[in-house]
């Protein structure tokens, strides 16, 4: 009889623990999509909210999608990362400058702040 009581109590405690684990909310935030697109004048722009912009601030993390005509150079957090055409790059909190490989001096230098 003692064994059955211990078994029932163990099962009840396990069920409560599993229920709490399942009920925990997930605080992982989905990445905000940031599209860099080809547009003249200026060559490349952020395409956000239906307009073309050179500066953009988003809640993080951010997924930069390259819809431009060449590889993008994303500088920030002490390093430079490459984002090839048609690919994306996941960025964490920070300030970033985005340029294009072989960019003309008069082309846009994009500024992205991920909060």
N, C-alpha and C. Protein backbone atom coordinates (compact mmCIF):
# COMPACT_ATOMS: atom_id res chain seq x y z
N UNK A 1 0.82 -1.19 0.00
CA UNK A 1 0.00 0.00 0.00
C UNK A 1 0.87 1.26 0.00
N UNK A 2 1.98 1.22 0.78
CA UNK A 2 2.88 2.37 0.81
C UNK A 2 3.48 2.63 -0.56
N UNK A 3 3.83 1.56 -1.25
CA UNK A 3 4.44 1.70 -2.57
C UNK A 3 3.47 2.34 -3.56
N UNK A 4 2.23 1.95 -3.50
CA UNK A 4 1.23 2.52 -4.41
C UNK A 4 1.05 4.01 -4.11
N UNK A 5 1.00 4.38 -2.85
CA UNK A 5 0.86 5.79 -2.47
C UNK A 5 2.05 6.60 -2.95
N UNK A 6 3.26 6.07 -2.77
CA UNK A 6 4.47 6.76 -3.24
C UNK A 6 4.45 6.89 -4.76
N UNK A 7 4.00 5.87 -5.44
CA UNK A 7 3.91 5.89 -6.89
C UNK A 7 2.94 6.97 -7.35
N UNK A 8 1.76 7.06 -6.72
CA UNK A 8 0.77 8.08 -7.09
C UNK A 8 1.31 9.49 -6.84
N UNK A 9 1.96 9.68 -5.72
CA UNK A 9 2.53 11.00 -5.40
C UNK A 9 3.62 11.35 -6.41
N UNK A 10 4.45 10.40 -6.77
CA UNK A 10 5.52 10.64 -7.75
C UNK A 10 4.95 11.01 -9.10
N UNK A 11 3.92 10.30 -9.52
CA UNK A 11 3.28 10.60 -10.81
C UNK A 11 2.65 11.99 -10.78
N UNK A 12 2.01 12.34 -9.67
CA UNK A 12 1.37 13.66 -9.55
C UNK A 12 2.41 14.78 -9.61
N UNK A 13 3.51 14.61 -8.89
CA UNK A 13 4.58 15.62 -8.90
C UNK A 13 5.17 15.74 -10.30
N UNK A 14 5.40 14.63 -10.97
CA UNK A 14 5.93 14.64 -12.33
C UNK A 14 4.97 15.34 -13.29
N UNK A 15 3.69 15.08 -13.15
CA UNK A 15 2.69 15.70 -14.03
C UNK A 15 2.66 17.21 -13.84
N UNK A 16 2.74 17.66 -12.60
CA UNK A 16 2.76 19.11 -12.33
C UNK A 16 4.01 19.73 -12.94
N UNK A 17 5.15 19.10 -12.77
CA UNK A 17 6.41 19.62 -13.32
C UNK A 17 6.38 19.70 -14.84
N UNK A 18 5.86 18.67 -15.49
CA UNK A 18 5.76 18.67 -16.95
C UNK A 18 4.79 19.75 -17.40
N UNK A 19 3.67 19.88 -16.70
CA UNK A 19 2.69 20.92 -17.05
C UNK A 19 3.28 22.31 -16.96
N UNK A 20 4.08 22.57 -15.93
CA UNK A 20 4.70 23.88 -15.80
C UNK A 20 5.73 24.12 -16.89
N UNK A 21 6.47 23.09 -17.24
CA UNK A 21 7.47 23.23 -18.30
C UNK A 21 6.81 23.54 -19.63
N UNK A 22 5.69 22.92 -19.91
CA UNK A 22 4.98 23.16 -21.17
C UNK A 22 4.36 24.55 -21.17
N UNK A 23 3.91 25.02 -20.01
CA UNK A 23 3.22 26.30 -19.92
C UNK A 23 4.16 27.49 -19.96
N UNK A 24 5.48 27.30 -19.85
CA UNK A 24 6.43 28.41 -19.86
C UNK A 24 6.36 29.14 -21.19
N UNK A 25 6.17 30.45 -21.18
CA UNK A 25 6.13 31.18 -22.44
C UNK A 25 7.51 31.25 -23.08
N UNK A 26 7.54 31.26 -24.37
CA UNK A 26 8.81 31.38 -25.09
C UNK A 26 9.10 32.85 -25.30
N UNK A 27 10.26 33.29 -24.83
CA UNK A 27 10.62 34.69 -24.96
C UNK A 27 11.51 34.94 -26.18
N UNK A 28 11.73 33.92 -26.97
CA UNK A 28 12.52 34.10 -28.17
C UNK A 28 11.72 34.94 -29.16
N UNK A 29 12.32 35.99 -29.64
CA UNK A 29 11.63 36.91 -30.53
C UNK A 29 12.00 36.57 -31.96
N UNK A 30 11.01 36.62 -32.83
CA UNK A 30 11.27 36.38 -34.25
C UNK A 30 12.06 37.56 -34.81
N UNK A 31 12.94 37.27 -35.73
CA UNK A 31 13.77 38.32 -36.32
C UNK A 31 12.94 39.23 -37.22
N UNK A 32 13.23 40.53 -37.14
CA UNK A 32 12.58 41.51 -38.01
C UNK A 32 13.25 41.46 -39.37
N UNK A 33 12.47 41.34 -40.44
CA UNK A 33 13.00 41.27 -41.79
C UNK A 33 13.36 42.67 -42.27
N UNK A 34 14.61 42.84 -42.71
CA UNK A 34 15.09 44.11 -43.24
C UNK A 34 15.58 43.83 -44.66
N UNK A 35 14.92 44.43 -45.64
CA UNK A 35 15.27 44.19 -47.04
C UNK A 35 16.12 45.33 -47.58
N UNK A 36 17.26 44.98 -48.18
CA UNK A 36 18.09 45.96 -48.89
C UNK A 36 17.85 45.72 -50.37
N UNK A 37 17.35 46.77 -51.06
CA UNK A 37 16.94 46.62 -52.45
C UNK A 37 17.65 47.63 -53.35
N UNK A 38 17.78 47.26 -54.61
CA UNK A 38 18.35 48.14 -55.64
C UNK A 38 17.31 49.20 -55.99
N UNK A 39 17.75 50.46 -56.00
CA UNK A 39 16.85 51.57 -56.37
C UNK A 39 17.71 52.78 -56.68
N UNK A 40 17.46 53.42 -57.80
CA UNK A 40 18.20 54.63 -58.16
C UNK A 40 17.39 55.85 -57.80
N UNK A 41 17.98 56.97 -57.46
CA UNK A 41 19.42 57.18 -57.31
C UNK A 41 19.92 56.63 -55.97
N UNK A 42 21.19 56.36 -55.90
CA UNK A 42 21.81 55.93 -54.65
C UNK A 42 22.14 54.46 -54.61
N UNK A 43 21.69 53.72 -55.60
CA UNK A 43 22.02 52.31 -55.78
C UNK A 43 21.26 51.38 -54.84
N UNK A 44 21.49 51.44 -53.54
CA UNK A 44 20.80 50.51 -52.64
C UNK A 44 20.18 51.26 -51.48
N UNK A 45 19.03 50.71 -51.03
CA UNK A 45 18.23 51.34 -49.99
C UNK A 45 17.61 50.25 -49.13
N UNK A 46 17.18 50.65 -47.93
CA UNK A 46 16.29 49.78 -47.15
C UNK A 46 14.91 49.96 -47.75
N UNK A 47 14.20 48.86 -47.97
CA UNK A 47 12.82 48.96 -48.40
C UNK A 47 11.96 48.58 -47.20
N UNK A 48 11.35 49.61 -46.57
CA UNK A 48 10.59 49.39 -45.34
C UNK A 48 9.31 50.22 -45.37
N UNK A 49 8.24 49.62 -44.94
CA UNK A 49 6.95 50.31 -44.85
C UNK A 49 6.54 50.92 -46.18
N UNK A 50 6.92 50.29 -47.30
CA UNK A 50 6.53 50.75 -48.63
C UNK A 50 7.33 51.92 -49.17
N UNK A 51 8.41 52.31 -48.48
CA UNK A 51 9.25 53.41 -48.94
C UNK A 51 10.72 52.99 -48.92
N UNK A 52 11.54 53.77 -49.62
CA UNK A 52 12.99 53.53 -49.62
C UNK A 52 13.64 54.49 -48.64
N UNK A 53 14.49 53.95 -47.75
CA UNK A 53 15.12 54.74 -46.70
C UNK A 53 16.60 54.41 -46.59
N UNK A 54 17.41 55.40 -46.17
CA UNK A 54 18.84 55.18 -45.95
C UNK A 54 19.17 54.84 -44.52
N UNK A 55 18.29 55.20 -43.60
CA UNK A 55 18.49 54.92 -42.18
C UNK A 55 17.27 54.16 -41.67
N UNK A 56 17.54 53.17 -40.81
CA UNK A 56 16.45 52.36 -40.30
C UNK A 56 16.77 51.87 -38.90
N UNK A 57 15.79 51.88 -38.02
CA UNK A 57 15.92 51.33 -36.67
C UNK A 57 14.83 50.28 -36.49
N UNK A 58 15.21 49.10 -36.00
CA UNK A 58 14.26 48.02 -35.80
C UNK A 58 14.50 47.36 -34.45
N UNK A 59 13.47 46.68 -33.96
CA UNK A 59 13.62 45.87 -32.75
C UNK A 59 14.33 44.58 -33.16
N UNK A 60 15.24 44.14 -32.35
CA UNK A 60 16.07 43.00 -32.73
C UNK A 60 15.53 41.67 -32.32
N UNK A 61 16.12 40.63 -32.82
CA UNK A 61 17.18 40.61 -33.82
C UNK A 61 16.63 40.97 -35.20
N UNK A 62 17.55 41.22 -36.15
CA UNK A 62 17.15 41.60 -37.51
C UNK A 62 17.74 40.62 -38.51
N UNK A 63 16.97 40.27 -39.52
CA UNK A 63 17.45 39.43 -40.61
C UNK A 63 17.53 40.32 -41.85
N UNK A 64 18.77 40.65 -42.27
CA UNK A 64 19.00 41.50 -43.44
C UNK A 64 18.95 40.61 -44.68
N UNK A 65 18.02 40.92 -45.57
CA UNK A 65 17.85 40.17 -46.81
C UNK A 65 18.41 41.00 -47.95
N UNK A 66 19.35 40.43 -48.71
CA UNK A 66 20.01 41.15 -49.79
C UNK A 66 19.27 40.94 -51.11
N UNK A 67 18.54 41.98 -51.53
CA UNK A 67 17.86 41.98 -52.83
C UNK A 67 18.51 43.01 -53.74
N UNK A 68 19.78 43.30 -53.48
CA UNK A 68 20.55 44.27 -54.26
C UNK A 68 21.21 43.56 -55.44
N UNK A 69 22.15 44.22 -56.10
CA UNK A 69 22.79 43.63 -57.28
C UNK A 69 24.17 43.04 -57.01
N UNK A 70 24.68 43.20 -55.80
CA UNK A 70 25.99 42.65 -55.44
C UNK A 70 26.03 42.33 -53.95
N UNK A 71 27.10 41.69 -53.52
CA UNK A 71 27.28 41.35 -52.11
C UNK A 71 27.33 42.61 -51.25
N UNK A 72 26.69 42.53 -50.09
CA UNK A 72 26.71 43.65 -49.15
C UNK A 72 27.77 43.41 -48.08
N UNK A 73 28.40 44.47 -47.64
CA UNK A 73 29.34 44.44 -46.52
C UNK A 73 28.63 45.07 -45.33
N UNK A 74 28.46 44.30 -44.27
CA UNK A 74 27.75 44.77 -43.08
C UNK A 74 28.78 44.92 -41.98
N UNK A 75 29.06 46.17 -41.61
CA UNK A 75 30.07 46.47 -40.60
C UNK A 75 29.40 46.87 -39.29
N UNK A 76 29.83 46.22 -38.21
CA UNK A 76 29.30 46.54 -36.89
C UNK A 76 29.82 45.55 -35.88
N UNK A 77 29.80 45.93 -34.64
CA UNK A 77 30.26 45.09 -33.53
C UNK A 77 31.70 44.62 -33.75
N UNK A 78 32.53 45.48 -34.34
CA UNK A 78 33.95 45.18 -34.50
C UNK A 78 34.29 44.21 -35.61
N UNK A 79 33.36 43.91 -36.49
CA UNK A 79 33.66 43.00 -37.59
C UNK A 79 32.86 43.37 -38.83
N UNK A 80 33.29 42.84 -39.98
CA UNK A 80 32.59 43.05 -41.24
C UNK A 80 32.13 41.69 -41.75
N UNK A 81 30.84 41.60 -42.04
CA UNK A 81 30.27 40.35 -42.56
C UNK A 81 29.79 40.56 -43.98
N UNK A 82 29.82 39.51 -44.78
CA UNK A 82 29.35 39.57 -46.17
C UNK A 82 27.97 38.95 -46.26
N UNK A 83 27.11 39.59 -47.05
CA UNK A 83 25.76 39.08 -47.30
C UNK A 83 25.57 39.00 -48.82
N UNK A 84 25.76 37.80 -49.42
CA UNK A 84 25.64 37.65 -50.86
C UNK A 84 24.21 37.90 -51.36
N UNK A 85 24.09 38.20 -52.64
CA UNK A 85 22.78 38.44 -53.27
C UNK A 85 21.88 37.23 -53.07
N UNK A 86 20.64 37.50 -52.67
CA UNK A 86 19.66 36.44 -52.47
C UNK A 86 19.76 35.72 -51.15
N UNK A 87 20.71 36.09 -50.32
CA UNK A 87 20.91 35.45 -49.01
C UNK A 87 20.49 36.42 -47.91
N UNK A 88 20.57 35.96 -46.67
CA UNK A 88 20.25 36.82 -45.54
C UNK A 88 21.29 36.66 -44.45
N UNK A 89 21.29 37.61 -43.55
CA UNK A 89 22.27 37.65 -42.47
C UNK A 89 21.53 38.03 -41.19
N UNK A 90 21.70 37.27 -40.12
CA UNK A 90 21.05 37.55 -38.85
C UNK A 90 21.94 38.46 -38.01
N UNK A 91 21.39 39.58 -37.56
CA UNK A 91 22.15 40.55 -36.78
C UNK A 91 21.52 40.74 -35.41
N UNK A 92 22.37 40.85 -34.40
CA UNK A 92 21.93 41.12 -33.04
C UNK A 92 21.92 42.61 -32.77
N UNK A 93 21.73 42.95 -31.51
CA UNK A 93 21.65 44.34 -31.07
C UNK A 93 22.94 45.09 -31.42
N UNK A 94 22.79 46.31 -31.97
CA UNK A 94 23.95 47.13 -32.30
C UNK A 94 23.67 48.08 -33.43
N UNK A 95 24.71 48.83 -33.81
CA UNK A 95 24.64 49.77 -34.93
C UNK A 95 25.49 49.24 -36.07
N UNK A 96 24.96 49.28 -37.28
CA UNK A 96 25.62 48.70 -38.44
C UNK A 96 25.63 49.69 -39.60
N UNK A 97 26.71 49.63 -40.39
CA UNK A 97 26.81 50.36 -41.64
C UNK A 97 26.84 49.34 -42.76
N UNK A 98 26.01 49.57 -43.78
CA UNK A 98 25.90 48.61 -44.88
C UNK A 98 26.30 49.29 -46.17
N UNK A 99 27.29 48.70 -46.85
CA UNK A 99 27.74 49.18 -48.15
C UNK A 99 27.77 47.99 -49.10
N UNK A 100 28.04 48.27 -50.38
CA UNK A 100 28.09 47.21 -51.38
C UNK A 100 29.54 47.01 -51.82
N UNK A 101 29.90 45.77 -52.12
CA UNK A 101 31.24 45.47 -52.62
C UNK A 101 31.45 46.27 -53.92
N UNK A 102 32.58 46.97 -54.03
CA UNK A 102 32.88 47.74 -55.24
C UNK A 102 31.98 48.95 -55.42
N UNK A 103 31.47 49.46 -54.35
CA UNK A 103 30.51 50.56 -54.39
C UNK A 103 31.14 51.86 -54.88
N UNK A 104 30.41 52.60 -55.70
CA UNK A 104 30.84 53.92 -56.15
C UNK A 104 30.79 54.89 -54.97
N UNK A 105 31.66 55.90 -54.95
CA UNK A 105 31.70 56.82 -53.81
C UNK A 105 30.39 57.57 -53.56
N UNK A 106 29.59 57.79 -54.61
CA UNK A 106 28.35 58.54 -54.42
C UNK A 106 27.14 57.66 -54.10
N UNK A 107 27.34 56.35 -53.96
CA UNK A 107 26.26 55.45 -53.57
C UNK A 107 25.95 55.58 -52.08
N UNK A 108 24.77 55.15 -51.69
CA UNK A 108 24.33 55.26 -50.29
C UNK A 108 25.16 54.37 -49.36
N UNK A 109 25.39 54.90 -48.16
CA UNK A 109 25.94 54.13 -47.05
C UNK A 109 24.77 53.99 -46.08
N UNK A 110 24.22 52.80 -45.96
CA UNK A 110 23.03 52.59 -45.14
C UNK A 110 23.41 52.44 -43.67
N UNK A 111 22.54 52.96 -42.80
CA UNK A 111 22.73 52.89 -41.35
C UNK A 111 21.57 52.11 -40.76
N UNK A 112 21.89 51.03 -40.03
CA UNK A 112 20.87 50.20 -39.39
C UNK A 112 21.16 50.12 -37.90
N UNK A 113 20.14 50.39 -37.10
CA UNK A 113 20.25 50.25 -35.64
C UNK A 113 19.28 49.15 -35.23
N UNK A 114 19.83 48.13 -34.59
CA UNK A 114 19.03 47.00 -34.10
C UNK A 114 18.97 47.11 -32.59
N UNK A 115 17.74 47.26 -32.05
CA UNK A 115 17.57 47.46 -30.62
C UNK A 115 17.12 46.24 -29.89
